[in-house]
Amino acid sequence: MKYSKFAVASLLMLAFSACNQPGPPGPQGAPGNTGNTGNTGNTGNTGNTGSTGNTGAPGDTGNTGATGDTGNTGATGNTGATGNTGNPGNTGNPGAPGAPSTPPR
């Protein structure tokens, strides 16, 4: 049994060297899962406000307005001053002669 340790070591080396030989290639693996969808990109900045438009042309002149209502009648004027005294009248004609007198009784 002197050489039994040597024999065991030789057998072990033989066994290990046989285990180190590469085996045949395995079957092809299943396809991998599809990757996740990427994140949505950021929204772009709002555009600048446009310039103010030009002033429009002046409008047409309007129609002539209607004639206004007639005004109210004015107030009655003040009474006039009294007129001057008239000239003296003409002298009258002479009177008719008187009736004859009757004698006393």
PDB file of N, CA and C in Angstrom:
ATOM      1  N   MET A   1       0.827  -1.182   0.000  1.00  0.00           N
ATOM      2  CA  MET A   1       0.000   0.000   0.000  1.00  0.00           C
ATOM      3  C   MET A   1       0.865   1.236   0.000  1.00  0.00           C
ATOM      4  N   LYS A   2       2.073   1.059  -0.268  1.00  0.00           N
ATOM      5  CA  LYS A   2       2.961   2.195  -0.312  1.00  0.00           C
ATOM      6  C   LYS A   2       2.598   3.116  -1.463  1.00  0.00           C
ATOM      7  N   TYR A   3       2.212   2.528  -2.504  1.00  0.00           N
ATOM      8  CA  TYR A   3       1.969   3.347  -3.700  1.00  0.00           C
ATOM      9  C   TYR A   3       0.498   3.702  -3.865  1.00  0.00           C
ATOM     10  N   SER A   4      -0.296   3.417  -2.908  1.00  0.00           N
ATOM     11  CA  SER A   4      -1.734   3.669  -3.077  1.00  0.00           C
ATOM     12  C   SER A   4      -2.034   5.172  -3.127  1.00  0.00           C
ATOM     13  N   LYS A   5      -1.295   5.958  -2.363  1.00  0.00           N
ATOM     14  CA  LYS A   5      -1.512   7.415  -2.402  1.00  0.00           C
ATOM     15  C   LYS A   5      -1.142   7.949  -3.783  1.00  0.00           C
ATOM     16  N   PHE A   6      -0.082   7.404  -4.336  1.00  0.00           N
ATOM     17  CA  PHE A   6       0.341   7.844  -5.649  1.00  0.00           C
ATOM     18  C   PHE A   6      -0.673   7.440  -6.710  1.00  0.00           C
ATOM     19  N   ALA A   7      -1.217   6.288  -6.573  1.00  0.00           N
ATOM     20  CA  ALA A   7      -2.195   5.795  -7.538  1.00  0.00           C
ATOM     21  C   ALA A   7      -3.472   6.612  -7.447  1.00  0.00           C
ATOM     22  N   VAL A   8      -3.868   6.942  -6.257  1.00  0.00           N
ATOM     23  CA  VAL A   8      -5.104   7.732  -6.079  1.00  0.00           C
ATOM     24  C   VAL A   8      -4.882   9.120  -6.673  1.00  0.00           C
ATOM     25  N   ALA A   9      -3.716   9.716  -6.432  1.00  0.00           N
ATOM     26  CA  ALA A   9      -3.430  11.048  -6.968  1.00  0.00           C
ATOM     27  C   ALA A   9      -3.398  11.004  -8.484  1.00  0.00           C
ATOM     28  N   SER A  10      -2.842   9.949  -9.084  1.00  0.00           N
ATOM     29  CA  SER A  10      -2.793   9.846 -10.537  1.00  0.00           C
ATOM     30  C   SER A  10      -4.194   9.714 -11.108  1.00  0.00           C
ATOM     31  N   LEU A  11      -5.003   8.921 -10.452  1.00  0.00           N
ATOM     32  CA  LEU A  11      -6.378   8.739 -10.940  1.00  0.00           C
ATOM     33  C   LEU A  11      -7.167  10.059 -10.839  1.00  0.00           C
ATOM     34  N   LEU A  12      -6.955  10.750  -9.756  1.00  0.00           N
ATOM     35  CA  LEU A  12      -7.658  12.041  -9.589  1.00  0.00           C
ATOM     36  C   LEU A  12      -7.224  13.027 -10.664  1.00  0.00           C
ATOM     37  N   MET A  13      -5.916  13.042 -10.993  1.00  0.00           N
ATOM     38  CA  MET A  13      -5.441  13.967 -12.025  1.00  0.00           C
ATOM     39  C   MET A  13      -6.020  13.595 -13.380  1.00  0.00           C
ATOM     40  N   LEU A  14      -6.117  12.325 -13.622  1.00  0.00           N
ATOM     41  CA  LEU A  14      -6.694  11.868 -14.869  1.00  0.00           C
ATOM     42  C   LEU A  14      -8.168  12.272 -14.958  1.00  0.00           C
ATOM     43  N   ALA A  15      -8.850  12.117 -13.865  1.00  0.00           N
ATOM     44  CA  ALA A  15     -10.288  12.441 -13.854  1.00  0.00           C
ATOM     45  C   ALA A  15     -10.493  13.948 -14.054  1.00  0.00           C
ATOM     46  N   PHE A  16      -9.681  14.744 -13.374  1.00  0.00           N
ATOM     47  CA  PHE A  16      -9.827  16.192 -13.503  1.00  0.00           C
ATOM     48  C   PHE A  16      -9.453  16.673 -14.899  1.00  0.00           C
ATOM     49  N   SER A  17      -8.433  16.043 -15.498  1.00  0.00           N
ATOM     50  CA  SER A  17      -8.045  16.487 -16.833  1.00  0.00           C
ATOM     51  C   SER A  17      -9.142  16.144 -17.833  1.00  0.00           C
ATOM     52  N   ALA A  18      -9.886  15.089 -17.609  1.00  0.00           N
ATOM     53  CA  ALA A  18     -10.986  14.727 -18.501  1.00  0.00           C
ATOM     54  C   ALA A  18     -12.140  15.717 -18.335  1.00  0.00           C
ATOM     55  N   CYS A  19     -12.312  16.213 -17.141  1.00  0.00           N
ATOM     56  CA  CYS A  19     -13.415  17.164 -16.894  1.00  0.00           C
ATOM     57  C   CYS A  19     -13.123  18.529 -17.485  1.00  0.00           C
ATOM     58  N   ASN A  20     -11.858  18.842 -17.749  1.00  0.00           N
ATOM     59  CA  ASN A  20     -11.510  20.156 -18.269  1.00  0.00           C
ATOM     60  C   ASN A  20     -11.685  20.272 -19.769  1.00  0.00           C
ATOM     61  N   GLN A  21     -11.976  19.206 -20.452  1.00  0.00           N
ATOM     62  CA  GLN A  21     -12.160  19.276 -21.899  1.00  0.00           C
ATOM     63  C   GLN A  21     -13.500  19.971 -22.208  1.00  0.00           C
ATOM     64  N   PRO A  22     -13.534  20.891 -23.193  1.00  0.00           N
ATOM     65  CA  PRO A  22     -14.807  21.559 -23.504  1.00  0.00           C
ATOM     66  C   PRO A  22     -15.782  20.588 -24.143  1.00  0.00           C
ATOM     67  N   GLY A  23     -17.021  20.705 -23.766  1.00  0.00           N
ATOM     68  CA  GLY A  23     -18.078  19.863 -24.324  1.00  0.00           C
ATOM     69  C   GLY A  23     -18.597  20.452 -25.628  1.00  0.00           C
ATOM     70  N   PRO A  24     -19.558  19.812 -26.251  1.00  0.00           N
ATOM     71  CA  PRO A  24     -20.140  20.330 -27.496  1.00  0.00           C
ATOM     72  C   PRO A  24     -20.919  21.628 -27.206  1.00  0.00           C
ATOM     73  N   PRO A  25     -21.068  22.532 -28.199  1.00  0.00           N
ATOM     74  CA  PRO A  25     -21.804  23.777 -27.958  1.00  0.00           C
ATOM     75  C   PRO A  25     -23.264  23.488 -27.635  1.00  0.00           C
ATOM     76  N   GLY A  26     -23.801  24.276 -26.732  1.00  0.00           N
ATOM     77  CA  GLY A  26     -25.203  24.112 -26.347  1.00  0.00           C
ATOM     78  C   GLY A  26     -26.143  24.682 -27.411  1.00  0.00           C
ATOM     79  N   PRO A  27     -27.434  24.460 -27.243  1.00  0.00           N
ATOM     80  CA  PRO A  27     -28.407  24.997 -28.214  1.00  0.00           C
ATOM     81  C   PRO A  27     -28.450  26.526 -28.115  1.00  0.00           C
ATOM     82  N   GLN A  28     -28.932  27.157 -29.192  1.00  0.00           N
ATOM     83  CA  GLN A  28     -29.004  28.625 -29.220  1.00  0.00           C
ATOM     84  C   GLN A  28     -30.049  29.095 -28.201  1.00  0.00           C
ATOM     85  N   GLY A  29     -29.696  30.178 -27.503  1.00  0.00           N
ATOM     86  CA  GLY A  29     -30.625  30.723 -26.502  1.00  0.00           C
ATOM     87  C   GLY A  29     -31.843  31.377 -27.157  1.00  0.00           C
ATOM     88  N   ALA A  30     -32.898  31.520 -26.363  1.00  0.00           N
ATOM     89  CA  ALA A  30     -34.115  32.182 -26.861  1.00  0.00           C
ATOM     90  C   ALA A  30     -33.829  33.670 -27.092  1.00  0.00           C
ATOM     91  N   PRO A  31     -34.547  34.329 -28.034  1.00  0.00           N
ATOM     92  CA  PRO A  31     -34.300  35.751 -28.269  1.00  0.00           C
ATOM     93  C   PRO A  31     -34.628  36.575 -27.015  1.00  0.00           C
ATOM     94  N   GLY A  32     -33.875  37.625 -26.821  1.00  0.00           N
ATOM     95  CA  GLY A  32     -34.103  38.482 -25.645  1.00  0.00           C
ATOM     96  C   GLY A  32     -35.413  39.270 -25.764  1.00  0.00           C
ATOM     97  N   ASN A  33     -35.883  39.826 -24.648  1.00  0.00           N
ATOM     98  CA  ASN A  33     -37.101  40.650 -24.643  1.00  0.00           C
ATOM     99  C   ASN A  33     -36.836  41.987 -25.338  1.00  0.00           C
ATOM    100  N   THR A  34     -37.890  42.549 -25.924  1.00  0.00           N
ATOM    101  CA  THR A  34     -37.782  43.875 -26.557  1.00  0.00           C
ATOM    102  C   THR A  34     -37.553  44.925 -25.477  1.00  0.00           C
ATOM    103  N   GLY A  35     -36.683  45.863 -25.754  1.00  0.00           N
ATOM    104  CA  GLY A  35     -36.390  46.921 -24.775  1.00  0.00           C
ATOM    105  C   GLY A  35     -37.599  47.841 -24.549  1.00  0.00           C
ATOM    106  N   ASN A  36     -37.593  48.589 -23.440  1.00  0.00           N
ATOM    107  CA  ASN A  36     -38.675  49.534 -23.132  1.00  0.00           C
ATOM    108  C   ASN A  36     -38.642  50.720 -24.099  1.00  0.00           C
ATOM    109  N   THR A  37     -39.804  51.289 -24.336  1.00  0.00           N
ATOM    110  CA  THR A  37     -39.892  52.486 -25.181  1.00  0.00           C
ATOM    111  C   THR A  37     -39.243  53.658 -24.460  1.00  0.00           C
ATOM    112  N   GLY A  38     -38.520  54.488 -25.200  1.00  0.00           N
ATOM    113  CA  GLY A  38     -37.856  55.657 -24.594  1.00  0.00           C
ATOM    114  C   GLY A  38     -38.876  56.707 -24.133  1.00  0.00           C
ATOM    115  N   ASN A  39     -38.445  57.618 -23.286  1.00  0.00           N
ATOM    116  CA  ASN A  39     -39.304  58.700 -22.781  1.00  0.00           C
ATOM    117  C   ASN A  39     -39.634  59.682 -23.908  1.00  0.00           C
ATOM    118  N   THR A  40     -40.817  60.300 -23.798  1.00  0.00           N
ATOM    119  CA  THR A  40     -41.230  61.317 -24.770  1.00  0.00           C
ATOM    120  C   THR A  40     -40.358  62.552 -24.603  1.00  0.00           C
ATOM    121  N   GLY A  41     -39.966  63.162 -25.714  1.00  0.00           N
ATOM    122  CA  GLY A  41     -39.122  64.363 -25.652  1.00  0.00           C
ATOM    123  C   GLY A  41     -39.878  65.554 -25.068  1.00  0.00           C
ATOM    124  N   ASN A  42     -39.148  66.574 -24.655  1.00  0.00           N
ATOM    125  CA  ASN A  42     -39.756  67.789 -24.087  1.00  0.00           C
ATOM    126  C   ASN A  42     -40.483  68.572 -25.172  1.00  0.00           C
ATOM    127  N   THR A  43     -41.544  69.300 -24.755  1.00  0.00           N
ATOM    128  CA  THR A  43     -42.295  70.149 -25.684  1.00  0.00           C
ATOM    129  C   THR A  43     -41.448  71.361 -26.034  1.00  0.00           C
ATOM    130  N   GLY A  44     -41.500  71.780 -27.286  1.00  0.00           N
ATOM    131  CA  GLY A  44     -40.722  72.951 -27.712  1.00  0.00           C
ATOM    132  C   GLY A  44     -41.274  74.238 -27.116  1.00  0.00           C
ATOM    133  N   ASN A  45     -40.460  75.297 -27.160  1.00  0.00           N
ATOM    134  CA  ASN A  45     -40.873  76.606 -26.645  1.00  0.00           C
ATOM    135  C   ASN A  45     -41.947  77.215 -27.540  1.00  0.00           C
ATOM    136  N   THR A  46     -42.804  78.061 -26.935  1.00  0.00           N
ATOM    137  CA  THR A  46     -43.839  78.773 -27.695  1.00  0.00           C
ATOM    138  C   THR A  46     -43.176  79.819 -28.574  1.00  0.00           C
ATOM    139  N   GLY A  47     -43.676  79.970 -29.790  1.00  0.00           N
ATOM    140  CA  GLY A  47     -43.104  80.960 -30.714  1.00  0.00           C
ATOM    141  C   GLY A  47     -43.397  82.383 -30.255  1.00  0.00           C
ATOM    142  N   ASN A  48     -42.682  83.352 -30.845  1.00  0.00           N
ATOM    143  CA  ASN A  48     -42.867  84.767 -30.514  1.00  0.00           C
ATOM    144  C   ASN A  48     -44.184  85.273 -31.086  1.00  0.00           C
ATOM    145  N   THR A  49     -44.752  86.293 -30.430  1.00  0.00           N
ATOM    146  CA  THR A  49     -45.989  86.912 -30.902  1.00  0.00           C
ATOM    147  C   THR A  49     -45.695  87.734 -32.148  1.00  0.00           C
ATOM    148  N   GLY A  50     -46.593  87.687 -33.123  1.00  0.00           N
ATOM    149  CA  GLY A  50     -46.403  88.437 -34.360  1.00  0.00           C
ATOM    150  C   GLY A  50     -46.539  89.937 -34.139  1.00  0.00           C
ATOM    151  N   SER A  51     -46.044  90.722 -35.102  1.00  0.00           N
ATOM    152  CA  SER A  51     -46.108  92.187 -35.023  1.00  0.00           C
ATOM    153  C   SER A  51     -47.555  92.643 -35.201  1.00  0.00           C
ATOM    154  N   THR A  52     -47.853  93.829 -34.658  1.00  0.00           N
ATOM    155  CA  THR A  52     -49.183  94.416 -34.819  1.00  0.00           C
ATOM    156  C   THR A  52     -49.377  94.828 -36.262  1.00  0.00           C
ATOM    157  N   GLY A  53     -50.586  94.626 -36.798  1.00  0.00           N
ATOM    158  CA  GLY A  53     -50.886  94.979 -38.188  1.00  0.00           C
ATOM    159  C   GLY A  53     -50.958  96.485 -38.380  1.00  0.00           C
ATOM    160  N   ASN A  54     -50.934  96.918 -39.664  1.00  0.00           N
ATOM    161  CA  ASN A  54     -51.007  98.342 -39.997  1.00  0.00           C
ATOM    162  C   ASN A  54     -52.395  98.888 -39.688  1.00  0.00           C
ATOM    163  N   THR A  55     -52.469 100.215 -39.460  1.00  0.00           N
ATOM    164  CA  THR A  55     -53.753 100.868 -39.204  1.00  0.00           C
ATOM    165  C   THR A  55     -54.583 100.841 -40.482  1.00  0.00           C
ATOM    166  N   GLY A  56     -55.867 100.586 -40.348  1.00  0.00           N
ATOM    167  CA  GLY A  56     -56.761 100.528 -41.507  1.00  0.00           C
ATOM    168  C   GLY A  56     -57.004 101.908 -42.088  1.00  0.00           C
ATOM    169  N   ALA A  57     -57.525 101.949 -43.330  1.00  0.00           N
ATOM    170  CA  ALA A  57     -57.822 103.215 -44.007  1.00  0.00           C
ATOM    171  C   ALA A  57     -58.986 103.899 -43.292  1.00  0.00           C
ATOM    172  N   PRO A  58     -59.060 105.277 -43.369  1.00  0.00           N
ATOM    173  CA  PRO A  58     -60.168 105.969 -42.714  1.00  0.00           C
ATOM    174  C   PRO A  58     -61.502 105.544 -43.324  1.00  0.00           C
ATOM    175  N   GLY A  59     -62.544 105.546 -42.520  1.00  0.00           N
ATOM    176  CA  GLY A  59     -63.877 105.179 -43.006  1.00  0.00           C
ATOM    177  C   GLY A  59     -64.500 106.294 -43.831  1.00  0.00           C
ATOM    178  N   ASP A  60     -65.591 105.974 -44.564  1.00  0.00           N
ATOM    179  CA  ASP A  60     -66.307 106.967 -45.367  1.00  0.00           C
ATOM    180  C   ASP A  60     -66.982 107.982 -44.453  1.00  0.00           C
ATOM    181  N   THR A  61     -67.203 109.211 -44.989  1.00  0.00           N
ATOM    182  CA  THR A  61     -67.902 110.250 -44.245  1.00  0.00           C
ATOM    183  C   THR A  61     -69.361 109.844 -44.083  1.00  0.00           C
ATOM    184  N   GLY A  62     -69.916 110.083 -42.917  1.00  0.00           N
ATOM    185  CA  GLY A  62     -71.309 109.702 -42.663  1.00  0.00           C
ATOM    186  C   GLY A  62     -72.289 110.604 -43.406  1.00  0.00           C
ATOM    187  N   ASN A  63     -73.549 110.176 -43.477  1.00  0.00           N
ATOM    188  CA  ASN A  63     -74.601 110.960 -44.126  1.00  0.00           C
ATOM    189  C   ASN A  63     -74.918 112.196 -43.294  1.00  0.00           C
ATOM    190  N   THR A  64     -75.481 113.240 -43.976  1.00  0.00           N
ATOM    191  CA  THR A  64     -75.876 114.469 -43.288  1.00  0.00           C
ATOM    192  C   THR A  64     -77.007 114.140 -42.320  1.00  0.00           C
ATOM    193  N   GLY A  65     -76.945 114.743 -41.146  1.00  0.00           N
ATOM    194  CA  GLY A  65     -77.981 114.473 -40.152  1.00  0.00           C
ATOM    195  C   GLY A  65     -79.324 115.072 -40.552  1.00  0.00           C
ATOM    196  N   ALA A  66     -80.413 114.609 -39.930  1.00  0.00           N
ATOM    197  CA  ALA A  66     -81.761 115.110 -40.208  1.00  0.00           C
ATOM    198  C   ALA A  66     -81.890 116.541 -39.691  1.00  0.00           C
ATOM    199  N   THR A  67     -82.822 117.317 -40.281  1.00  0.00           N
ATOM    200  CA  THR A  67     -83.064 118.693 -39.851  1.00  0.00           C
ATOM    201  C   THR A  67     -83.662 118.674 -38.453  1.00  0.00           C
ATOM    202  N   GLY A  68     -83.219 119.596 -37.626  1.00  0.00           N
ATOM    203  CA  GLY A  68     -83.738 119.659 -36.256  1.00  0.00           C
ATOM    204  C   GLY A  68     -85.181 120.131 -36.210  1.00  0.00           C
ATOM    205  N   ASP A  69     -85.861 119.934 -35.070  1.00  0.00           N
ATOM    206  CA  ASP A  69     -87.244 120.384 -34.892  1.00  0.00           C
ATOM    207  C   ASP A  69     -87.300 121.908 -34.870  1.00  0.00           C
ATOM    208  N   THR A  70     -88.485 122.468 -35.266  1.00  0.00           N
ATOM    209  CA  THR A  70     -88.699 123.915 -35.230  1.00  0.00           C
ATOM    210  C   THR A  70     -88.722 124.369 -33.781  1.00  0.00           C
ATOM    211  N   GLY A  71     -88.118 125.525 -33.520  1.00  0.00           N
ATOM    212  CA  GLY A  71     -88.079 126.041 -32.151  1.00  0.00           C
ATOM    213  C   GLY A  71     -89.454 126.489 -31.667  1.00  0.00           C
ATOM    214  N   ASN A  72     -89.605 126.709 -30.351  1.00  0.00           N
ATOM    215  CA  ASN A  72     -90.867 127.171 -29.755  1.00  0.00           C
ATOM    216  C   ASN A  72     -91.127 128.622 -30.146  1.00  0.00           C
ATOM    217  N   THR A  73     -92.406 129.016 -30.138  1.00  0.00           N
ATOM    218  CA  THR A  73     -92.791 130.404 -30.431  1.00  0.00           C
ATOM    219  C   THR A  73     -92.276 131.297 -29.321  1.00  0.00           C
ATOM    220  N   GLY A  74     -91.762 132.467 -29.719  1.00  0.00           N
ATOM    221  CA  GLY A  74     -91.237 133.416 -28.724  1.00  0.00           C
ATOM    222  C   GLY A  74     -92.341 133.998 -27.837  1.00  0.00           C
ATOM    223  N   ALA A  75     -91.967 134.580 -26.711  1.00  0.00           N
ATOM    224  CA  ALA A  75     -92.928 135.190 -25.784  1.00  0.00           C
ATOM    225  C   ALA A  75     -93.476 136.476 -26.397  1.00  0.00           C
ATOM    226  N   THR A  76     -94.678 136.864 -25.958  1.00  0.00           N
ATOM    227  CA  THR A  76     -95.304 138.105 -26.439  1.00  0.00           C
ATOM    228  C   THR A  76     -94.490 139.295 -25.937  1.00  0.00           C
ATOM    229  N   GLY A  77     -94.332 140.296 -26.798  1.00  0.00           N
ATOM    230  CA  GLY A  77     -93.555 141.471 -26.418  1.00  0.00           C
ATOM    231  C   GLY A  77     -94.278 142.338 -25.381  1.00  0.00           C
ATOM    232  N   ASN A  78     -93.566 143.280 -24.781  1.00  0.00           N
ATOM    233  CA  ASN A  78     -94.147 144.205 -23.791  1.00  0.00           C
ATOM    234  C   ASN A  78     -95.114 145.170 -24.481  1.00  0.00           C
ATOM    235  N   THR A  79     -96.084 145.687 -23.666  1.00  0.00           N
ATOM    236  CA  THR A  79     -97.041 146.662 -24.194  1.00  0.00           C
ATOM    237  C   THR A  79     -96.312 147.954 -24.525  1.00  0.00           C
ATOM    238  N   GLY A  80     -96.692 148.528 -25.674  1.00  0.00           N
ATOM    239  CA  GLY A  80     -96.043 149.772 -26.078  1.00  0.00           C
ATOM    240  C   GLY A  80     -96.442 150.963 -25.193  1.00  0.00           C
ATOM    241  N   ALA A  81     -95.676 152.054 -25.276  1.00  0.00           N
ATOM    242  CA  ALA A  81     -95.968 153.276 -24.491  1.00  0.00           C
ATOM    243  C   ALA A  81     -97.226 153.948 -25.036  1.00  0.00           C
ATOM    244  N   THR A  82     -97.906 154.731 -24.190  1.00  0.00           N
ATOM    245  CA  THR A  82     -99.113 155.463 -24.616  1.00  0.00           C
ATOM    246  C   THR A  82     -98.712 156.538 -25.622  1.00  0.00           C
ATOM    247  N   GLY A  83     -99.541 156.690 -26.637  1.00  0.00           N
ATOM    248  CA  GLY A  83     -99.235 157.679 -27.661  1.00  0.00           C
ATOM    249  C   GLY A  83     -99.396 159.127 -27.144  1.00  0.00           C
ATOM    250  N   ASN A  84     -98.877 160.065 -27.895  1.00  0.00           N
ATOM    251  CA  ASN A  84     -98.985 161.498 -27.541  1.00  0.00           C
ATOM    252  C   ASN A  84    -100.445 161.957 -27.681  1.00  0.00           C
ATOM    253  N   THR A  85    -100.768 163.011 -26.945  1.00  0.00           N
ATOM    254  CA  THR A  85    -102.121 163.595 -27.041  1.00  0.00           C
ATOM    255  C   THR A  85    -102.329 164.196 -28.429  1.00  0.00           C
ATOM    256  N   GLY A  86    -103.531 163.963 -28.964  1.00  0.00           N
ATOM    257  CA  GLY A  86    -103.810 164.457 -30.302  1.00  0.00           C
ATOM    258  C   GLY A  86    -103.965 165.986 -30.335  1.00  0.00           C
ATOM    259  N   ASN A  87    -103.942 166.508 -31.536  1.00  0.00           N
ATOM    260  CA  ASN A  87    -104.134 167.947 -31.721  1.00  0.00           C
ATOM    261  C   ASN A  87    -105.581 168.322 -31.356  1.00  0.00           C
ATOM    262  N   PRO A  88    -105.784 169.604 -30.962  1.00  0.00           N
ATOM    263  CA  PRO A  88    -107.162 170.005 -30.657  1.00  0.00           C
ATOM    264  C   PRO A  88    -108.026 169.885 -31.910  1.00  0.00           C
ATOM    265  N   GLY A  89    -109.274 169.533 -31.697  1.00  0.00           N
ATOM    266  CA  GLY A  89    -110.183 169.391 -32.829  1.00  0.00           C
ATOM    267  C   GLY A  89    -110.529 170.744 -33.441  1.00  0.00           C
ATOM    268  N   ASN A  90    -111.121 170.685 -34.629  1.00  0.00           N
ATOM    269  CA  ASN A  90    -111.542 171.916 -35.314  1.00  0.00           C
ATOM    270  C   ASN A  90    -112.711 172.557 -34.558  1.00  0.00           C
ATOM    271  N   THR A  91    -112.829 173.847 -34.730  1.00  0.00           N
ATOM    272  CA  THR A  91    -113.952 174.566 -34.107  1.00  0.00           C
ATOM    273  C   THR A  91    -115.222 174.161 -34.816  1.00  0.00           C
ATOM    274  N   GLY A  92    -116.262 173.959 -34.023  1.00  0.00           N
ATOM    275  CA  GLY A  92    -117.530 173.513 -34.602  1.00  0.00           C
ATOM    276  C   GLY A  92    -118.235 174.647 -35.364  1.00  0.00           C
ATOM    277  N   ASN A  93    -119.181 174.225 -36.146  1.00  0.00           N
ATOM    278  CA  ASN A  93    -119.990 175.198 -36.892  1.00  0.00           C
ATOM    279  C   ASN A  93    -120.832 176.017 -35.902  1.00  0.00           C
ATOM    280  N   PRO A  94    -121.205 177.236 -36.320  1.00  0.00           N
ATOM    281  CA  PRO A  94    -122.043 178.019 -35.421  1.00  0.00           C
ATOM    282  C   PRO A  94    -123.391 177.331 -35.213  1.00  0.00           C
ATOM    283  N   GLY A  95    -123.930 177.495 -34.049  1.00  0.00           N
ATOM    284  CA  GLY A  95    -125.208 176.863 -33.732  1.00  0.00           C
ATOM    285  C   GLY A  95    -126.377 177.506 -34.540  1.00  0.00           C
ATOM    286  N   ALA A  96    -127.459 176.813 -34.630  1.00  0.00           N
ATOM    287  CA  ALA A  96    -128.673 177.316 -35.322  1.00  0.00           C
ATOM    288  C   ALA A  96    -129.297 178.426 -34.490  1.00  0.00           C
ATOM    289  N   PRO A  97    -129.934 179.341 -35.134  1.00  0.00           N
ATOM    290  CA  PRO A  97    -130.559 180.415 -34.361  1.00  0.00           C
ATOM    291  C   PRO A  97    -131.597 179.850 -33.394  1.00  0.00           C
ATOM    292  N   GLY A  98    -131.744 180.502 -32.299  1.00  0.00           N
ATOM    293  CA  GLY A  98    -132.696 180.065 -31.293  1.00  0.00           C
ATOM    294  C   GLY A  98    -134.141 180.326 -31.722  1.00  0.00           C
ATOM    295  N   ALA A  99    -135.097 179.625 -31.098  1.00  0.00           N
ATOM    296  CA  ALA A  99    -136.513 179.813 -31.390  1.00  0.00           C
ATOM    297  C   ALA A  99    -136.989 181.185 -30.847  1.00  0.00           C
ATOM    298  N   PRO A 100    -137.937 181.816 -31.467  1.00  0.00           N
ATOM    299  CA  PRO A 100    -138.385 183.115 -30.946  1.00  0.00           C
ATOM    300  C   PRO A 100    -138.945 182.917 -29.541  1.00  0.00           C
ATOM    301  N   SER A 101    -138.721 183.877 -28.734  1.00  0.00           N
ATOM    302  CA  SER A 101    -139.171 183.806 -27.374  1.00  0.00           C
ATOM    303  C   SER A 101    -140.693 184.021 -27.297  1.00  0.00           C
ATOM    304  N   THR A 102    -141.275 183.482 -26.371  1.00  0.00           N
ATOM    305  CA  THR A 102    -142.691 183.656 -26.150  1.00  0.00           C
ATOM    306  C   THR A 102    -142.885 184.769 -25.116  1.00  0.00           C
ATOM    307  N   PRO A 103    -143.934 185.754 -25.401  1.00  0.00           N
ATOM    308  CA  PRO A 103    -144.112 186.803 -24.435  1.00  0.00           C
ATOM    309  C   PRO A 103    -144.672 186.235 -23.133  1.00  0.00           C
ATOM    310  N   PRO A 104    -144.415 186.890 -22.074  1.00  0.00           N
ATOM    311  CA  PRO A 104    -144.885 186.380 -20.794  1.00  0.00           C
ATOM    312  C   PRO A 104    -146.395 186.492 -20.722  1.00  0.00           C
ATOM    313  N   ARG A 105    -147.088 185.858 -19.956  1.00  0.00           N
ATOM    314  CA  ARG A 105    -148.523 185.884 -19.856  1.00  0.00           C
ATOM    315  C   ARG A 105    -149.028 186.465 -18.639  1.00  0.00           C
TER     316      ARG A 105
END
